[in-house]
């Protein structure tokens, strides 16, 4: 499993009532052609991951997403 996770990098973590932002962010990334994975830790902590090769593009999209929300 280590090989699988070496390809991915976490770009945002949210918890509690803000965890729904991860789902919206995933839709934003997918609409712009990025592959994503979501992991859940504990009862409400969500983390979104993108491929390492797409990290720079994800940063740009993340900034645009934050401006909108």
Protein backbone atom coordinates (compact mmCIF):
# COMPACT_ATOMS: atom_id res chain seq x y z
CA UNK A 1 0.00 0.00 0.00
CA UNK A 2 2.95 2.34 0.47
CA UNK A 3 3.43 2.54 -3.30
CA UNK A 4 -0.17 3.64 -3.72
CA UNK A 5 0.12 6.50 -1.23
CA UNK A 6 3.48 7.70 -2.56
CA UNK A 7 1.64 8.91 -5.66
CA UNK A 8 -0.81 11.10 -3.69
CA UNK A 9 -0.45 14.30 -1.68
CA UNK A 10 -2.98 15.79 0.75
CA UNK A 11 -4.02 19.31 -0.20
CA UNK A 12 -6.78 20.10 2.32
CA UNK A 13 -8.13 18.72 5.57
CA UNK A 14 -11.40 19.80 7.16
CA UNK A 15 -13.35 18.61 10.16
CA UNK A 16 -16.70 19.09 11.80
CA UNK A 17 -19.21 21.25 9.98
CA UNK A 18 -16.59 22.33 7.42
CA UNK A 19 -16.01 18.76 6.21
CA UNK A 20 -18.66 19.26 3.51
CA UNK A 21 -16.22 21.63 1.80
CA UNK A 22 -14.09 18.61 0.92
CA UNK A 23 -16.95 17.17 -1.14
CA UNK A 24 -17.43 20.49 -2.95
CA UNK A 25 -13.70 20.78 -3.52
CA UNK A 26 -13.62 17.28 -4.97
CA UNK A 27 -16.36 18.24 -7.44
CA UNK A 28 -14.40 21.39 -8.37
CA UNK A 29 -11.21 19.40 -8.96
CA UNK A 30 -12.97 16.71 -10.99
CA UNK A 31 -14.72 19.33 -13.13
CA UNK A 32 -11.24 20.61 -13.98
CA UNK A 33 -9.84 17.17 -14.80
CA UNK A 34 -7.94 16.27 -11.61
CA UNK A 35 -8.08 12.83 -10.06
CA UNK A 36 -8.82 12.89 -6.33
CA UNK A 37 -9.11 10.60 -3.33
CA UNK A 38 -10.85 11.36 -0.04
CA UNK A 39 -9.85 9.74 3.23
CA UNK A 40 -11.81 9.90 6.46
CA UNK A 41 -10.11 9.86 9.84
CA UNK A 42 -12.02 9.57 13.07
CA UNK A 43 -15.65 10.55 13.10
CA UNK A 44 -15.58 13.74 11.02
CA UNK A 45 -12.09 14.58 9.72
CA UNK A 46 -11.87 14.45 5.89
CA UNK A 47 -8.76 14.86 3.79
CA UNK A 48 -8.60 15.30 0.00
CA UNK A 49 -5.59 14.04 -1.97
CA UNK A 50 -4.45 14.69 -5.54
CA UNK A 51 -1.72 13.04 -7.58
CA UNK A 52 1.72 14.50 -6.84
CA UNK A 53 2.19 15.40 -10.49
CA UNK A 54 -0.96 17.58 -10.27
CA UNK A 55 -0.04 19.38 -7.03
CA UNK A 56 0.79 22.72 -8.68
CA UNK A 57 -2.42 22.72 -10.69
CA UNK A 58 -4.39 21.74 -7.58
CA UNK A 59 -2.91 24.73 -5.71
CA UNK A 60 -4.18 27.11 -8.39
CA UNK A 61 -7.63 25.50 -8.38
CA UNK A 62 -7.69 25.50 -4.57
CA UNK A 63 -6.97 29.25 -4.49
CA UNK A 64 -9.79 29.87 -7.00
CA UNK A 65 -12.14 27.68 -4.93
CA UNK A 66 -11.28 29.60 -1.75
CA UNK A 67 -12.02 32.92 -3.45
CA UNK A 68 -15.49 31.68 -4.45
CA UNK A 69 -16.37 30.29 -1.01
